[in-house]
Amino acid sequence: MGLRRQSRETTLKILYLMDVAGLNPDESFSAITRENKFSQEFIDFVELLLEGTIKNKTEIDEIITKYVENWELTRLSIVDRNILRIGTFELLKTPDTPVNVIINEAIEIAKKYSTSDSGGFVNGVLDKIKGVRS
């Protein structure tokens, strides 16, 4: 598994833990990463994704809500919601990462951590959101 995929998956786990256990970002980061040694590049990318997703959460959630037709954000599974948040952050704020890489990574992570239908769902939503990218 590539460094960026691992960073995205770790970010998902941290956001999930924050939602489920009510921990703050530092507590969640420590809980997820404490037993492993990671490169600085890995940590830097996790921090970029985590801080960016949290800092821009209101904007991100508004955009996701606009494109998940007939669904409320709170009705999405925690995993799908956070995969969409990470993917939306990357689409909006990391112009150096190709759109197809962001979407494909999100699809693969959804297939791994969510339901069998989640990959297609995530693909459909992020495909609509990619048009917002500046």
Protein backbone atom coordinates (compact mmCIF):
# COMPACT_ATOMS: atom_id res chain seq x y z
CA MET A 1 0.00 0.00 0.00
CA GLY A 2 1.30 3.44 -0.93
CA LEU A 3 2.13 6.11 1.59
CA ARG A 4 -0.72 8.38 0.54
CA ARG A 5 -3.29 5.56 0.64
CA GLN A 6 -2.11 4.64 4.11
CA SER A 7 -2.31 8.30 5.14
CA ARG A 8 -5.86 8.60 3.81
CA GLU A 9 -6.93 5.44 5.62
CA THR A 10 -5.34 6.65 8.84
CA THR A 11 -7.10 10.00 8.50
CA LEU A 12 -10.39 8.15 8.05
CA LYS A 13 -9.73 6.16 11.22
CA ILE A 14 -8.94 9.32 13.17
CA LEU A 15 -12.10 11.09 11.99
CA TYR A 16 -14.14 7.97 12.74
CA LEU A 17 -12.76 7.81 16.27
CA MET A 18 -13.53 11.48 16.78
CA ASP A 19 -17.15 10.91 15.71
CA VAL A 20 -17.71 7.69 17.63
CA ALA A 21 -15.74 8.30 20.83
CA GLY A 22 -15.94 12.08 20.94
CA LEU A 23 -12.17 12.44 21.19
CA ASN A 24 -10.39 15.57 20.03
CA PRO A 25 -8.07 15.40 16.99
CA ASP A 26 -4.88 15.02 19.06
CA GLU A 27 -6.32 12.24 21.21
CA SER A 28 -7.63 10.41 18.14
CA PHE A 29 -4.33 10.82 16.27
CA SER A 30 -2.41 9.43 19.25
CA ALA A 31 -4.80 6.52 19.70
CA ILE A 32 -4.51 5.49 16.05
CA THR A 33 -0.78 6.03 15.55
CA ARG A 34 0.82 5.33 18.94
CA GLU A 35 1.98 1.76 18.26
CA ASN A 36 3.54 2.43 14.87
CA LYS A 37 6.56 4.30 13.58
CA PHE A 38 5.70 6.49 10.62
CA SER A 39 7.80 8.60 8.30
CA GLN A 40 7.59 12.37 8.52
CA GLU A 41 6.09 12.40 5.02
CA PHE A 42 3.27 10.12 6.23
CA ILE A 43 2.61 12.26 9.30
CA ASP A 44 2.70 15.47 7.26
CA PHE A 45 0.09 14.16 4.81
CA VAL A 46 -2.17 12.86 7.60
CA GLU A 47 -1.94 16.25 9.31
CA LEU A 48 -2.73 18.06 6.05
CA LEU A 49 -5.81 15.90 5.45
CA LEU A 50 -6.98 15.93 9.07
CA GLU A 51 -6.47 19.63 9.76
CA GLY A 52 -7.81 20.64 6.36
CA THR A 53 -10.91 18.48 6.68
CA ILE A 54 -11.64 19.75 10.20
CA LYS A 55 -10.89 23.40 9.40
CA ASN A 56 -13.09 23.37 6.29
CA LYS A 57 -15.78 21.05 7.67
CA THR A 58 -18.65 23.54 7.37
CA GLU A 59 -17.87 24.33 3.72
CA ILE A 60 -17.22 20.66 2.95
CA ASP A 61 -20.47 19.52 4.56
CA GLU A 62 -22.46 22.15 2.66
CA ILE A 63 -20.98 20.95 -0.63
CA ILE A 64 -21.56 17.27 0.16
CA THR A 65 -25.14 18.00 1.23
CA LYS A 66 -25.75 19.73 -2.09
CA TYR A 67 -24.66 16.64 -4.05
CA VAL A 68 -26.10 13.76 -1.98
CA GLU A 69 -29.53 14.06 -3.46
CA ASN A 70 -32.43 13.10 -1.21
CA TRP A 71 -30.12 12.40 1.75
CA GLU A 72 -29.20 14.30 4.85
CA LEU A 73 -25.56 14.24 5.82
CA THR A 74 -26.45 12.80 9.23
CA ARG A 75 -28.11 9.80 7.56
CA LEU A 76 -24.90 8.73 5.84
CA SER A 77 -22.76 6.16 7.59
CA ILE A 78 -19.90 7.65 9.59
CA VAL A 79 -17.41 5.94 7.30
CA ASP A 80 -18.99 7.16 4.04
CA ARG A 81 -19.46 10.67 5.43
CA ASN A 82 -15.81 10.94 6.43
CA ILE A 83 -14.53 9.45 3.17
CA LEU A 84 -16.56 12.09 1.34
CA ARG A 85 -15.21 14.80 3.64
CA ILE A 86 -11.60 13.79 3.01
CA GLY A 87 -12.19 13.46 -0.73
CA THR A 88 -13.99 16.79 -0.92
CA PHE A 89 -11.19 18.50 1.00
CA GLU A 90 -8.64 17.08 -1.41
CA LEU A 91 -10.68 18.07 -4.45
CA LEU A 92 -11.07 21.63 -3.20
CA LYS A 93 -7.76 22.32 -1.50
CA THR A 94 -5.03 20.11 -3.00
CA PRO A 95 -4.79 21.17 -6.64
CA ASP A 96 -1.52 19.28 -7.16
CA THR A 97 -3.25 15.92 -6.68
CA PRO A 98 -4.99 14.70 -9.84
CA VAL A 99 -8.78 14.49 -9.58
CA ASN A 100 -8.87 10.87 -10.77
CA VAL A 101 -6.37 9.86 -8.07
CA ILE A 102 -8.47 11.49 -5.33
CA ILE A 103 -11.68 9.85 -6.51
CA ASN A 104 -10.13 6.42 -7.12
CA GLU A 105 -8.49 6.41 -3.70
CA ALA A 106 -11.80 7.35 -2.04
CA ILE A 107 -13.59 4.56 -3.94
CA GLU A 108 -11.06 1.93 -2.91
CA ILE A 109 -11.13 3.05 0.73
CA ALA A 110 -14.95 2.96 0.68
CA LYS A 111 -14.88 -0.58 -0.70
CA LYS A 112 -12.46 -1.63 2.03
CA TYR A 113 -14.08 0.05 5.05
CA SER A 114 -17.77 0.37 4.18
CA THR A 115 -20.48 -1.55 2.35
CA SER A 116 -20.36 -3.14 -1.09
CA ASP A 117 -22.42 -0.23 -2.46
CA SER A 118 -20.28 2.50 -0.93
CA GLY A 119 -17.67 2.59 -3.69
CA GLY A 120 -20.28 3.48 -6.28
CA PHE A 121 -21.97 5.95 -3.96
CA VAL A 122 -18.70 7.74 -3.15
CA ASN A 123 -17.77 7.77 -6.82
CA GLY A 124 -21.08 9.35 -7.80
CA VAL A 125 -20.91 12.09 -5.19
CA LEU A 126 -17.25 12.99 -5.69
CA ASP A 127 -17.71 12.93 -9.46
CA LYS A 128 -20.32 15.68 -9.05
CA ILE A 129 -18.18 17.61 -6.57
CA LYS A 130 -15.11 17.58 -8.82
CA GLY A 131 -16.75 20.29 -10.89
CA VAL A 132 -16.49 22.66 -7.91
CA ARG A 133 -12.70 22.37 -7.90
CA SER A 134 -11.07 25.67 -8.73
